[in-house]
C-alpha atoms as a PDB file:
ATOM      1  CA  UNK A   1      67.459 179.181 107.694  1.00  0.00           C
ATOM      2  CA  UNK A   2      65.481 176.698 109.855  1.00  0.00           C
ATOM      3  CA  UNK A   3      63.292 176.212 106.921  1.00  0.00           C
ATOM      4  CA  UNK A   4      66.100 175.596 104.713  1.00  0.00           C
ATOM      5  CA  UNK A   5      67.489 172.848 106.928  1.00  0.00           C
ATOM      6  CA  UNK A   6      64.392 170.935 107.591  1.00  0.00           C
ATOM      7  CA  UNK A   7      64.044 171.199 103.525  1.00  0.00           C
ATOM      8  CA  UNK A   8      67.689 169.580 103.222  1.00  0.00           C
ATOM      9  CA  UNK A   9      66.961 166.737 105.901  1.00  0.00           C
ATOM     10  CA  UNK A  10      63.739 165.972 104.049  1.00  0.00           C
ATOM     11  CA  UNK A  11      65.606 165.879 100.602  1.00  0.00           C
ATOM     12  CA  UNK A  12      68.221 163.837 102.070  1.00  0.00           C
ATOM     13  CA  UNK A  13      65.730 161.002 103.879  1.00  0.00           C
ATOM     14  CA  UNK A  14      63.891 160.888 100.202  1.00  0.00           C
ATOM     15  CA  UNK A  15      67.406 159.916  98.963  1.00  0.00           C
ATOM     16  CA  UNK A  16      67.982 157.399 101.351  1.00  0.00           C
ATOM     17  CA  UNK A  17      64.331 155.969 101.077  1.00  0.00           C
ATOM     18  CA  UNK A  18      64.798 155.959  96.996  1.00  0.00           C
ATOM     19  CA  UNK A  19      68.162 154.265  97.674  1.00  0.00           C
ATOM     20  CA  UNK A  20      67.082 151.569  99.735  1.00  0.00           C
ATOM     21  CA  UNK A  21      63.944 150.950  97.606  1.00  0.00           C
ATOM     22  CA  UNK A  22      66.282 150.433  94.590  1.00  0.00           C
ATOM     23  CA  UNK A  23      68.801 148.104  96.961  1.00  0.00           C
ATOM     24  CA  UNK A  24      65.455 146.204  97.275  1.00  0.00           C
ATOM     25  CA  UNK A  25      64.827 146.002  93.810  1.00  0.00           C
ATOM     26  CA  UNK A  26      68.185 144.744  93.015  1.00  0.00           C
ATOM     27  CA  UNK A  27      68.412 142.124  95.890  1.00  0.00           C
ATOM     28  CA  UNK A  28      65.213 140.793  94.661  1.00  0.00           C
ATOM     29  CA  UNK A  29      66.263 140.424  91.424  1.00  0.00           C
ATOM     30  CA  UNK A  30      69.583 138.807  92.495  1.00  0.00           C
ATOM     31  CA  UNK A  31      67.849 136.323  94.726  1.00  0.00           C
ATOM     32  CA  UNK A  32      65.321 135.446  91.842  1.00  0.00           C
ATOM     33  CA  UNK A  33      68.094 134.937  89.312  1.00  0.00           C
ATOM     34  CA  UNK A  34      69.922 132.691  92.090  1.00  0.00           C
ATOM     35  CA  UNK A  35      66.756 130.813  92.474  1.00  0.00           C
ATOM     36  CA  UNK A  36      66.237 129.988  88.957  1.00  0.00           C
ATOM     37  CA  UNK A  37      69.987 129.237  88.447  1.00  0.00           C
ATOM     38  CA  UNK A  38      69.719 126.554  91.520  1.00  0.00           C
ATOM     39  CA  UNK A  39      66.364 124.815  89.955  1.00  0.00           C
ATOM     40  CA  UNK A  40      68.129 125.001  86.501  1.00  0.00           C
ATOM     41  CA  UNK A  41      71.045 123.050  87.946  1.00  0.00           C
ATOM     42  CA  UNK A  42      68.852 120.542  89.617  1.00  0.00           C
ATOM     43  CA  UNK A  43      67.115 119.599  86.423  1.00  0.00           C
ATOM     44  CA  UNK A  44      70.094 119.634  84.565  1.00  0.00           C
ATOM     45  CA  UNK A  45      71.980 117.474  87.314  1.00  0.00           C
ATOM     46  CA  UNK A  46      69.229 114.859  87.011  1.00  0.00           C
ATOM     47  CA  UNK A  47      69.729 114.608  83.179  1.00  0.00           C
ATOM     48  CA  UNK A  48      73.774 114.487  83.952  1.00  0.00           C
ATOM     49  CA  UNK A  49      73.559 111.780  86.275  1.00  0.00           C
ATOM     50  CA  UNK A  50      72.335 109.320  83.869  1.00  0.00           C
ATOM     51  CA  UNK A  51      74.870 106.343  83.432  1.00  0.00           C
ATOM     52  CA  UNK A  52      75.514 105.847  79.661  1.00  0.00           C
ATOM     53  CA  UNK A  53      73.985 102.739  77.965  1.00  0.00           C
ATOM     54  CA  UNK A  54      76.315  99.611  77.232  1.00  0.00           C
ATOM     55  CA  UNK A  55      76.944  99.366  73.487  1.00  0.00           C
ATOM     56  CA  UNK A  56      77.654  96.383  71.344  1.00  0.00           C
ATOM     57  CA  UNK A  57      81.262  95.555  70.980  1.00  0.00           C
ATOM     58  CA  UNK A  58      81.018  93.603  67.758  1.00  0.00           C
ATOM     59  CA  UNK A  59      79.065  96.446  65.880  1.00  0.00           C
ATOM     60  CA  UNK A  60      81.175  99.010  67.174  1.00  0.00           C
ATOM     61  CA  UNK A  61      84.460  97.076  65.965  1.00  0.00           C
ATOM     62  CA  UNK A  62      82.470  96.504  62.521  1.00  0.00           C
ATOM     63  CA  UNK A  63      81.550 100.436  62.366  1.00  0.00           C
ATOM     64  CA  UNK A  64      85.474 101.499  62.966  1.00  0.00           C
ATOM     65  CA  UNK A  65      86.583  99.091  60.470  1.00  0.00           C
ATOM     66  CA  UNK A  66      84.531 100.059  57.568  1.00  0.00           C
ATOM     67  CA  UNK A  67      85.215 103.757  58.538  1.00  0.00           C
ATOM     68  CA  UNK A  68      88.734 103.215  58.772  1.00  0.00           C
ATOM     69  CA  UNK A  69      88.633 100.628  55.447  1.00  0.00           C
ATOM     70  CA  UNK A  70      90.625  98.361  57.471  1.00  0.00           C
ATOM     71  CA  UNK A  71      90.511  94.349  58.269  1.00  0.00           C
ATOM     72  CA  UNK A  72      89.572  93.840  61.924  1.00  0.00           C
ATOM     73  CA  UNK A  73      92.963  92.280  63.025  1.00  0.00           C
ATOM     74  CA  UNK A  74      93.611  90.696  66.374  1.00  0.00           C
ATOM     75  CA  UNK A  75      93.514  93.349  68.824  1.00  0.00           C
ATOM     76  CA  UNK A  76      91.088  95.621  66.888  1.00  0.00           C
ATOM     77  CA  UNK A  77      88.090  94.870  68.960  1.00  0.00           C
ATOM     78  CA  UNK A  78      90.046  95.225  72.498  1.00  0.00           C
ATOM     79  CA  UNK A  79      91.553  98.662  71.486  1.00  0.00           C
ATOM     80  CA  UNK A  80      88.507 100.311  69.933  1.00  0.00           C
ATOM     81  CA  UNK A  81      86.762  99.400  72.985  1.00  0.00           C
ATOM     82  CA  UNK A  82      89.138 100.936  74.827  1.00  0.00           C
ATOM     83  CA  UNK A  83      88.660 104.220  72.833  1.00  0.00           C
ATOM     84  CA  UNK A  84      84.846 104.121  72.814  1.00  0.00           C
ATOM     85  CA  UNK A  85      85.010 103.678  76.499  1.00  0.00           C
ATOM     86  CA  UNK A  86      87.233 106.607  76.865  1.00  0.00           C
ATOM     87  CA  UNK A  87      85.367 108.705  74.654  1.00  0.00           C
ATOM     88  CA  UNK A  88      82.114 108.028  76.606  1.00  0.00           C
ATOM     89  CA  UNK A  89      83.883 108.920  79.829  1.00  0.00           C
ATOM     90  CA  UNK A  90      84.806 112.413  78.181  1.00  0.00           C
ATOM     91  CA  UNK A  91      81.214 112.755  76.022  1.00  0.00           C
ATOM     92  CA  UNK A  92      78.286 111.690  78.002  1.00  0.00           C
ATOM     93  CA  UNK A  93      75.705 113.844  78.959  1.00  0.00           C
ATOM     94  CA  UNK A  94      77.511 116.763  80.882  1.00  0.00           C
ATOM     95  CA  UNK A  95      80.961 115.647  79.842  1.00  0.00           C
ATOM     96  CA  UNK A  96      83.454 114.467  82.243  1.00  0.00           C
ATOM     97  CA  UNK A  97      82.322 115.642  85.479  1.00  0.00           C
ATOM     98  CA  UNK A  98      84.664 114.126  88.291  1.00  0.00           C
ATOM     99  CA  UNK A  99      86.713 117.987  88.002  1.00  0.00           C
ATOM    100  CA  UNK A 100      83.720 120.347  87.818  1.00  0.00           C
ATOM    101  CA  UNK A 101      84.396 123.199  90.337  1.00  0.00           C
ATOM    102  CA  UNK A 102      80.545 124.784  89.815  1.00  0.00           C
ATOM    103  CA  UNK A 103      77.012 123.429  90.217  1.00  0.00           C
ATOM    104  CA  UNK A 104      75.680 121.196  88.907  1.00  0.00           C
ATOM    105  CA  UNK A 105      78.684 119.090  88.486  1.00  0.00           C
ATOM    106  CA  UNK A 106      79.961 119.858  91.857  1.00  0.00           C
ATOM    107  CA  UNK A 107      77.341 118.105  93.416  1.00  0.00           C
ATOM    108  CA  UNK A 108      76.959 114.844  91.567  1.00  0.00           C
ATOM    109  CA  UNK A 109      79.023 112.632  93.469  1.00  0.00           C
ATOM    110  CA  UNK A 110      77.641 109.488  92.243  1.00  0.00           C
ATOM    111  CA  UNK A 111      78.112 110.068  88.503  1.00  0.00           C
ATOM    112  CA  UNK A 112      81.608 111.247  89.617  1.00  0.00           C
ATOM    113  CA  UNK A 113      82.113 107.765  91.162  1.00  0.00           C
ATOM    114  CA  UNK A 114      81.072 106.103  88.391  1.00  0.00           C
ATOM    115  CA  UNK A 115      83.504 107.789  86.112  1.00  0.00           C
ATOM    116  CA  UNK A 116      86.483 106.843  88.686  1.00  0.00           C
ATOM    117  CA  UNK A 117      85.456 103.146  88.309  1.00  0.00           C
ATOM    118  CA  UNK A 118      85.561 103.478  84.727  1.00  0.00           C
ATOM    119  CA  UNK A 119      88.775 105.076  84.854  1.00  0.00           C
ATOM    120  CA  UNK A 120      90.457 102.624  86.886  1.00  0.00           C
ATOM    121  CA  UNK A 121      89.639  99.419  84.586  1.00  0.00           C
ATOM    122  CA  UNK A 122      90.909 101.850  81.672  1.00  0.00           C
ATOM    123  CA  UNK A 123      94.128 102.537  83.434  1.00  0.00           C
ATOM    124  CA  UNK A 124      94.798  99.001  84.590  1.00  0.00           C
ATOM    125  CA  UNK A 125      94.099  97.860  80.598  1.00  0.00           C
ATOM    126  CA  UNK A 126      96.396 100.603  79.476  1.00  0.00           C
ATOM    127  CA  UNK A 127      99.223  99.586  81.361  1.00  0.00           C
ATOM    128  CA  UNK A 128      98.531  95.773  80.795  1.00  0.00           C
ATOM    129  CA  UNK A 129      98.536  96.773  76.766  1.00  0.00           C
ATOM    130  CA  UNK A 130     102.019  98.729  77.332  1.00  0.00           C
ATOM    131  CA  UNK A 131     103.610  96.070  79.418  1.00  0.00           C
ATOM    132  CA  UNK A 132     102.754  92.780  78.080  1.00  0.00           C
ATOM    133  CA  UNK A 133     100.053  92.486  75.230  1.00  0.00           C
ATOM    134  CA  UNK A 134     101.803  94.711  72.903  1.00  0.00           C
ATOM    135  CA  UNK A 135     105.487  93.022  73.753  1.00  0.00           C
ATOM    136  CA  UNK A 136     106.618  89.686  72.090  1.00  0.00           C
ATOM    137  CA  UNK A 137     108.716  89.453  75.511  1.00  0.00           C
ATOM    138  CA  UNK A 138     110.168  90.823  78.269  1.00  0.00           C
ATOM    139  CA  UNK A 139     113.032  92.164  76.516  1.00  0.00           C
ATOM    140  CA  UNK A 140     111.143  93.923  73.622  1.00  0.00           C
ATOM    141  CA  UNK A 141     110.571  97.483  72.952  1.00  0.00           C
ATOM    142  CA  UNK A 142     107.428  99.382  74.313  1.00  0.00           C
ATOM    143  CA  UNK A 143     105.003 100.459  71.614  1.00  0.00           C
ATOM    144  CA  UNK A 144     105.669 104.077  71.415  1.00  0.00           C
ATOM    145  CA  UNK A 145     101.987 105.119  71.402  1.00  0.00           C
ATOM    146  CA  UNK A 146     101.201 102.982  74.308  1.00  0.00           C
ATOM    147  CA  UNK A 147     104.141 104.489  76.085  1.00  0.00           C
ATOM    148  CA  UNK A 148     102.120 108.030  75.707  1.00  0.00           C
ATOM    149  CA  UNK A 149      98.474 106.493  76.331  1.00  0.00           C
ATOM    150  CA  UNK A 150      99.381 104.783  79.561  1.00  0.00           C
ATOM    151  CA  UNK A 151     100.317 107.743  81.753  1.00  0.00           C
ATOM    152  CA  UNK A 152      97.848 109.872  80.014  1.00  0.00           C
ATOM    153  CA  UNK A 153      95.038 108.124  81.756  1.00  0.00           C
ATOM    154  CA  UNK A 154      96.631 107.962  84.928  1.00  0.00           C
ATOM    155  CA  UNK A 155      96.773 111.910  85.120  1.00  0.00           C
ATOM    156  CA  UNK A 156      94.960 113.444  88.023  1.00  0.00           C
ATOM    157  CA  UNK A 157      91.300 112.750  87.677  1.00  0.00           C
ATOM    158  CA  UNK A 158      90.091 116.114  89.184  1.00  0.00           C
ATOM    159  CA  UNK A 159      92.276 118.454  87.758  1.00  0.00           C
ATOM    160  CA  UNK A 160      90.064 121.769  86.092  1.00  0.00           C
ATOM    161  CA  UNK A 161      92.919 123.528  84.124  1.00  0.00           C
ATOM    162  CA  UNK A 162      96.604 123.891  83.344  1.00  0.00           C
ATOM    163  CA  UNK A 163      96.141 121.370  81.777  1.00  0.00           C
ATOM    164  CA  UNK A 164      92.844 119.963  82.141  1.00  0.00           C
ATOM    165  CA  UNK A 165      91.753 116.352  82.979  1.00  0.00           C
ATOM    166  CA  UNK A 166      89.962 115.987  79.443  1.00  0.00           C
ATOM    167  CA  UNK A 167      92.698 117.362  77.389  1.00  0.00           C
ATOM    168  CA  UNK A 168      95.319 114.535  79.109  1.00  0.00           C
ATOM    169  CA  UNK A 169      92.758 112.039  78.437  1.00  0.00           C
ATOM    170  CA  UNK A 170      91.974 113.090  74.832  1.00  0.00           C
ATOM    171  CA  UNK A 171      96.008 112.738  74.205  1.00  0.00           C
ATOM    172  CA  UNK A 172      95.349 109.108  75.589  1.00  0.00           C
ATOM    173  CA  UNK A 173      92.791 108.751  73.255  1.00  0.00           C
ATOM    174  CA  UNK A 174      94.741 109.982  70.080  1.00  0.00           C
ATOM    175  CA  UNK A 175      97.506 107.998  71.037  1.00  0.00           C
ATOM    176  CA  UNK A 176      95.443 104.870  70.705  1.00  0.00           C
ATOM    177  CA  UNK A 177      93.833 105.579  67.804  1.00  0.00           C
ATOM    178  CA  UNK A 178      97.364 106.037  66.289  1.00  0.00           C
ATOM    179  CA  UNK A 179      98.402 102.866  67.633  1.00  0.00           C
ATOM    180  CA  UNK A 180      95.279 101.093  66.281  1.00  0.00           C
ATOM    181  CA  UNK A 181      96.124 102.639  62.868  1.00  0.00           C
ATOM    182  CA  UNK A 182      99.504 101.145  62.934  1.00  0.00           C
ATOM    183  CA  UNK A 183      98.080  97.782  64.092  1.00  0.00           C
ATOM    184  CA  UNK A 184      95.758  97.344  61.362  1.00  0.00           C
ATOM    185  CA  UNK A 185      98.149  98.830  58.521  1.00  0.00           C
ATOM    186  CA  UNK A 186      97.512  96.725  55.609  1.00  0.00           C
ATOM    187  CA  UNK A 187     101.361  96.901  54.711  1.00  0.00           C
ATOM    188  CA  UNK A 188     103.566  95.590  57.198  1.00  0.00           C
ATOM    189  CA  UNK A 189     102.565  96.867  60.709  1.00  0.00           C
ATOM    190  CA  UNK A 190     105.012  98.113  63.145  1.00  0.00           C
ATOM    191  CA  UNK A 191     102.325  97.726  65.888  1.00  0.00           C
ATOM    192  CA  UNK A 192     101.542  94.393  67.787  1.00  0.00           C
ATOM    193  CA  UNK A 193      99.061  92.855  69.572  1.00  0.00           C
ATOM    194  CA  UNK A 194     100.009  89.336  71.200  1.00  0.00           C
ATOM    195  CA  UNK A 195      96.645  87.364  72.126  1.00  0.00           C
ATOM    196  CA  UNK A 196      98.518  85.068  74.488  1.00  0.00           C
ATOM    197  CA  UNK A 197      97.451  83.212  77.356  1.00  0.00           C
ATOM    198  CA  UNK A 198     100.331  84.448  79.887  1.00  0.00           C
ATOM    199  CA  UNK A 199      99.623  87.845  78.796  1.00  0.00           C
ATOM    200  CA  UNK A 200      95.444  87.612  79.318  1.00  0.00           C
ATOM    201  CA  UNK A 201      96.363  85.853  82.715  1.00  0.00           C
ATOM    202  CA  UNK A 202      98.507  88.541  83.959  1.00  0.00           C
ATOM    203  CA  UNK A 203      95.684  90.971  83.194  1.00  0.00           C
ATOM    204  CA  UNK A 204      93.595  88.737  85.282  1.00  0.00           C
ATOM    205  CA  UNK A 205      95.414  88.810  87.936  1.00  0.00           C
ATOM    206  CA  UNK A 206      95.276  92.396  88.722  1.00  0.00           C
ATOM    207  CA  UNK A 207      91.719  92.396  87.789  1.00  0.00           C
ATOM    208  CA  UNK A 208      91.280  89.899  90.748  1.00  0.00           C
ATOM    209  CA  UNK A 209      92.560  92.167  93.422  1.00  0.00           C
ATOM    210  CA  UNK A 210      90.636  95.119  92.136  1.00  0.00           C
ATOM    211  CA  UNK A 211      87.244  92.921  91.953  1.00  0.00           C
ATOM    212  CA  UNK A 212      88.075  91.556  95.359  1.00  0.00           C
ATOM    213  CA  UNK A 213      88.542  94.892  96.900  1.00  0.00           C
ATOM    214  CA  UNK A 214      85.454  96.199  95.489  1.00  0.00           C
ATOM    215  CA  UNK A 215      83.593  93.315  96.793  1.00  0.00           C
ATOM    216  CA  UNK A 216      84.860  93.650 100.191  1.00  0.00           C
ATOM    217  CA  UNK A 217      84.189  97.271 100.111  1.00  0.00           C
ATOM    218  CA  UNK A 218      80.354  96.562  98.967  1.00  0.00           C
ATOM    219  CA  UNK A 219      80.174  94.388 101.742  1.00  0.00           C
ATOM    220  CA  UNK A 220      81.048  96.276 104.237  1.00  0.00           C
ATOM    221  CA  UNK A 221      77.980  98.599 103.903  1.00  0.00           C
ATOM    222  CA  UNK A 222      76.144  96.283 106.620  1.00  0.00           C
ATOM    223  CA  UNK A 223      79.223  96.168 109.027  1.00  0.00           C
ATOM    224  CA  UNK A 224      81.714  93.061 109.289  1.00  0.00           C
ATOM    225  CA  UNK A 225      84.343  91.800 111.902  1.00  0.00           C
ATOM    226  CA  UNK A 226      87.798  92.946 111.155  1.00  0.00           C
ATOM    227  CA  UNK A 227      90.088  90.169 109.672  1.00  0.00           C
ATOM    228  CA  UNK A 228      92.860  91.546 111.594  1.00  0.00           C
ATOM    229  CA  UNK A 229      91.270  91.694 114.927  1.00  0.00           C
ATOM    230  CA  UNK A 230      89.749  87.990 114.426  1.00  0.00           C
ATOM    231  CA  UNK A 231      93.427  86.558 113.326  1.00  0.00           C
ATOM    232  CA  UNK A 232      94.842  88.449 116.661  1.00  0.00           C
ATOM    233  CA  UNK A 233      92.273  87.299 118.990  1.00  0.00           C
ATOM    234  CA  UNK A 234      93.072  83.698 118.266  1.00  0.00           C
ATOM    235  CA  UNK A 235      94.663  81.606 121.101  1.00  0.00           C
ATOM    236  CA  UNK A 236      97.296  79.497 119.600  1.00  0.00           C
ATOM    237  CA  UNK A 237      97.907  77.576 122.478  1.00  0.00           C
ATOM    238  CA  UNK A 238      94.345  76.671 123.366  1.00  0.00           C
ATOM    239  CA  UNK A 239      92.406  75.922 120.171  1.00  0.00           C
ATOM    240  CA  UNK A 240      89.169  75.089 122.468  1.00  0.00           C
ATOM    241  CA  UNK A 241      89.389  78.643 123.756  1.00  0.00           C
ATOM    242  CA  UNK A 242      86.522  81.004 123.031  1.00  0.00           C
ATOM    243  CA  UNK A 243      87.492  83.719 120.685  1.00  0.00           C
ATOM    244  CA  UNK A 244      87.113  87.441 121.865  1.00  0.00           C
ATOM    245  CA  UNK A 245      85.269  89.827 119.468  1.00  0.00           C
ATOM    246  CA  UNK A 246      87.035  92.579 117.844  1.00  0.00           C
ATOM    247  CA  UNK A 247      86.055  95.896 116.103  1.00  0.00           C
ATOM    248  CA  UNK A 248      83.726  96.196 113.411  1.00  0.00           C
ATOM    249  CA  UNK A 249      84.308  97.433 109.957  1.00  0.00           C
ATOM    250  CA  UNK A 250      81.218  99.166 108.150  1.00  0.00           C
ATOM    251  CA  UNK A 251      81.267 101.861 105.198  1.00  0.00           C
ATOM    252  CA  UNK A 252      79.978 105.227 106.403  1.00  0.00           C
ATOM    253  CA  UNK A 253      76.726 105.877 105.757  1.00  0.00           C
ATOM    254  CA  UNK A 254      77.635 108.923 103.675  1.00  0.00           C
ATOM    255  CA  UNK A 255      80.069 106.834 101.398  1.00  0.00           C
ATOM    256  CA  UNK A 256      77.808 103.682 100.846  1.00  0.00           C
ATOM    257  CA  UNK A 257      76.506 105.228  97.172  1.00  0.00           C
ATOM    258  CA  UNK A 258      80.047 106.385  96.350  1.00  0.00           C
ATOM    259  CA  UNK A 259      81.214 102.680  96.862  1.00  0.00           C
ATOM    260  CA  UNK A 260      78.333 101.527  94.986  1.00  0.00           C
ATOM    261  CA  UNK A 261      78.723 103.708  91.943  1.00  0.00           C
ATOM    262  CA  UNK A 262      82.311 103.080  91.706  1.00  0.00           C
ATOM    263  CA  UNK A 263      81.782  99.674  91.459  1.00  0.00           C
ATOM    264  CA  UNK A 264      78.824  99.742  88.792  1.00  0.00           C
ATOM    265  CA  UNK A 265      81.380 101.911  86.480  1.00  0.00           C
ATOM    266  CA  UNK A 266      84.106  99.447  86.837  1.00  0.00           C
ATOM    267  CA  UNK A 267      81.740  96.688  85.971  1.00  0.00           C
ATOM    268  CA  UNK A 268      80.323  98.862  83.057  1.00  0.00           C
ATOM    269  CA  UNK A 269      83.725  98.894  81.674  1.00  0.00           C
ATOM    270  CA  UNK A 270      84.706  95.646  82.378  1.00  0.00           C
ATOM    271  CA  UNK A 271      81.540  94.127  80.811  1.00  0.00           C
ATOM    272  CA  UNK A 272      82.703  95.776  77.231  1.00  0.00           C
ATOM    273  CA  UNK A 273      86.096  94.945  77.692  1.00  0.00           C
ATOM    274  CA  UNK A 274      85.225  91.040  78.073  1.00  0.00           C
ATOM    275  CA  UNK A 275      83.178  91.555  75.498  1.00  0.00           C
ATOM    276  CA  UNK A 276      86.095  92.613  73.711  1.00  0.00           C
ATOM    277  CA  UNK A 277      88.523  89.691  74.893  1.00  0.00           C
ATOM    278  CA  UNK A 278      86.097  87.086  73.479  1.00  0.00           C
ATOM    279  CA  UNK A 279      86.648  88.225  70.034  1.00  0.00           C
ATOM    280  CA  UNK A 280      90.408  88.948  70.138  1.00  0.00           C
ATOM    281  CA  UNK A 281      91.197  86.279  72.315  1.00  0.00           C
ATOM    282  CA  UNK A 282      88.877  83.761  71.015  1.00  0.00           C
ATOM    283  CA  UNK A 283      91.518  81.134  69.765  1.00  0.00           C
ATOM    284  CA  UNK A 284      93.417  80.772  73.196  1.00  0.00           C
ATOM    285  CA  UNK A 285      90.142  80.663  75.081  1.00  0.00           C
ATOM    286  CA  UNK A 286      89.076  77.877  73.007  1.00  0.00           C
ATOM    287  CA  UNK A 287      92.105  76.339  73.122  1.00  0.00           C
ATOM    288  CA  UNK A 288      92.085  76.426  77.146  1.00  0.00           C
ATOM    289  CA  UNK A 289      88.450  75.523  77.042  1.00  0.00           C
ATOM    290  CA  UNK A 290      88.031  78.953  78.817  1.00  0.00           C
ATOM    291  CA  UNK A 291      85.079  80.162  76.545  1.00  0.00           C
ATOM    292  CA  UNK A 292      82.281  78.988  79.317  1.00  0.00           C
ATOM    293  CA  UNK A 293      84.358  81.346  82.012  1.00  0.00           C
ATOM    294  CA  UNK A 294      84.319  84.207  79.864  1.00  0.00           C
ATOM    295  CA  UNK A 295      80.838  83.908  79.073  1.00  0.00           C
ATOM    296  CA  UNK A 296      80.175  83.433  82.814  1.00  0.00           C
ATOM    297  CA  UNK A 297      81.745  86.590  83.515  1.00  0.00           C
ATOM    298  CA  UNK A 298      79.968  88.720  81.124  1.00  0.00           C
ATOM    299  CA  UNK A 299      76.764  87.177  82.492  1.00  0.00           C
ATOM    300  CA  UNK A 300      77.500  87.916  85.990  1.00  0.00           C
ATOM    301  CA  UNK A 301      78.499  91.668  84.681  1.00  0.00           C
ATOM    302  CA  UNK A 302      75.294  92.320  82.547  1.00  0.00           C
ATOM    303  CA  UNK A 303      73.709  91.680  86.064  1.00  0.00           C
ATOM    304  CA  UNK A 304      75.496  94.617  87.513  1.00  0.00           C
ATOM    305  CA  UNK A 305      73.942  97.007  85.144  1.00  0.00           C
ATOM    306  CA  UNK A 306      70.319  96.441  85.756  1.00  0.00           C
ATOM    307  CA  UNK A 307      67.721  98.905  85.963  1.00  0.00           C
ATOM    308  CA  UNK A 308      67.938 101.303  89.180  1.00  0.00           C
ATOM    309  CA  UNK A 309      64.308 102.065  90.108  1.00  0.00           C
ATOM    310  CA  UNK A 310      65.408 103.306  93.588  1.00  0.00           C
ATOM    311  CA  UNK A 311      66.342 107.029  93.604  1.00  0.00           C
ATOM    312  CA  UNK A 312      68.595 106.334  96.435  1.00  0.00           C
ATOM    313  CA  UNK A 313      71.133 103.495  97.503  1.00  0.00           C
ATOM    314  CA  UNK A 314      69.263 101.598 100.266  1.00  0.00           C
ATOM    315  CA  UNK A 315      71.118  99.945 102.798  1.00  0.00           C
ATOM    316  CA  UNK A 316      69.122  97.514 104.368  1.00  0.00           C
ATOM    317  CA  UNK A 317      70.373  94.998 106.597  1.00  0.00           C
ATOM    318  CA  UNK A 318      71.475  91.696 104.996  1.00  0.00           C
ATOM    319  CA  UNK A 319      68.004  89.885 105.832  1.00  0.00           C
ATOM    320  CA  UNK A 320      66.082  92.749 106.650  1.00  0.00           C
ATOM    321  CA  UNK A 321      62.971  94.272 105.383  1.00  0.00           C
ATOM    322  CA  UNK A 322      64.491  96.732 103.137  1.00  0.00           C
ATOM    323  CA  UNK A 323      66.871  95.705 100.033  1.00  0.00           C
ATOM    324  CA  UNK A 324      70.605  96.568 100.325  1.00  0.00           C
ATOM    325  CA  UNK A 325      71.854  97.643  96.926  1.00  0.00           C
ATOM    326  CA  UNK A 326      75.773  97.149  97.798  1.00  0.00           C
ATOM    327  CA  UNK A 327      75.147  93.581  98.754  1.00  0.00           C
ATOM    328  CA  UNK A 328      73.298  92.701  95.827  1.00  0.00           C
ATOM    329  CA  UNK A 329      76.262  94.420  93.616  1.00  0.00           C
ATOM    330  CA  UNK A 330      78.856  92.416  95.645  1.00  0.00           C
ATOM    331  CA  UNK A 331      77.178  89.305  94.547  1.00  0.00           C
ATOM    332  CA  UNK A 332      77.635  89.740  91.233  1.00  0.00           C
ATOM    333  CA  UNK A 333      81.143  90.846  91.138  1.00  0.00           C
ATOM    334  CA  UNK A 334      82.049  88.077  93.538  1.00  0.00           C
ATOM    335  CA  UNK A 335      80.472  85.471  91.403  1.00  0.00           C
ATOM    336  CA  UNK A 336      82.319  87.082  88.274  1.00  0.00           C
ATOM    337  CA  UNK A 337      85.580  87.021  90.508  1.00  0.00           C
ATOM    338  CA  UNK A 338      84.867  83.400  90.760  1.00  0.00           C
ATOM    339  CA  UNK A 339      84.810  82.779  87.523  1.00  0.00           C
ATOM    340  CA  UNK A 340      87.976  84.768  86.644  1.00  0.00           C
ATOM    341  CA  UNK A 341      89.978  82.626  89.065  1.00  0.00           C
ATOM    342  CA  UNK A 342      88.544  79.485  87.219  1.00  0.00           C
ATOM    343  CA  UNK A 343      89.934  81.475  84.044  1.00  0.00           C
ATOM    344  CA  UNK A 344      93.241  81.808  85.136  1.00  0.00           C
ATOM    345  CA  UNK A 345      93.611  78.358  86.133  1.00  0.00           C
ATOM    346  CA  UNK A 346      92.630  76.984  82.619  1.00  0.00           C
ATOM    347  CA  UNK A 347      94.732  79.606  81.237  1.00  0.00           C
ATOM    348  CA  UNK A 348      98.047  78.858  83.193  1.00  0.00           C
ATOM    349  CA  UNK A 349      97.655  75.047  82.364  1.00  0.00           C
ATOM    350  CA  UNK A 350      99.903  73.470  79.471  1.00  0.00           C
END
């Protein structure tokens, strides 16, 4: 009997060793698969992080017009540009990334912020189209397709499923395509695009505040005094009194690249929008002598899309040794915003 017990325990020991050895093989296999997946995710993530190139608005307009066998009427360039921007957002390498819940999309915050910057400009223009540009006056009815498109682009930008962000944005694109089809119909069109100075001026007013906010956020990469504190510390009774300092506002270092890429995405979308405006609003721009302002805006926005040679967003001090990409971007946007102010002044004159 004792010999049988020894044999029994010896057999059980061998079973345990065999099991442990098998578990080790499985564990090493799982680890190897995980490492390969992470390496592949890094490579794919680098590819997905590339920003889309700019495109020719005029060439895109001609291509769409030829495909539809339509004449590019007033408003055709702006609408086709909106559609191309929205489709680029969804169909670029990696697709729409902001709502990804798995690597590598989950890690790619720079391109996600770029997408949000593009989306903000798309939302603002779709609202202006629905509210002003496609209506003859304040009492006229809204275009039925723009009524659909505008809220679709305002859908949650990070919804993964039920419904997904992509599906909602594609509904907005489909609505814009229906509007474009009716706008360019050779028979009596029931869609309108009023390329008037007041309509353009209304959108520019909203854009001016957008760019002002972006420029301020970019400038805070190096820290700035709080405006509210500076005003609060003014002694109204003694104008010669020394002003006391206030708190400094500075973007956290973890968010500097987020602000930069949001601004870069906004500038990418605006560059194409202003090229389309140059086509559709050409008559009113020439009548108001505002064409030079549009050209200046386009030149500044082109500067924001320069090739990025640094793998990271540098944040040197304003006059330090290292570059500060945020301040460079802020300079371009500030000059574009100044040209927008000049343009609004010209458009508002009789």
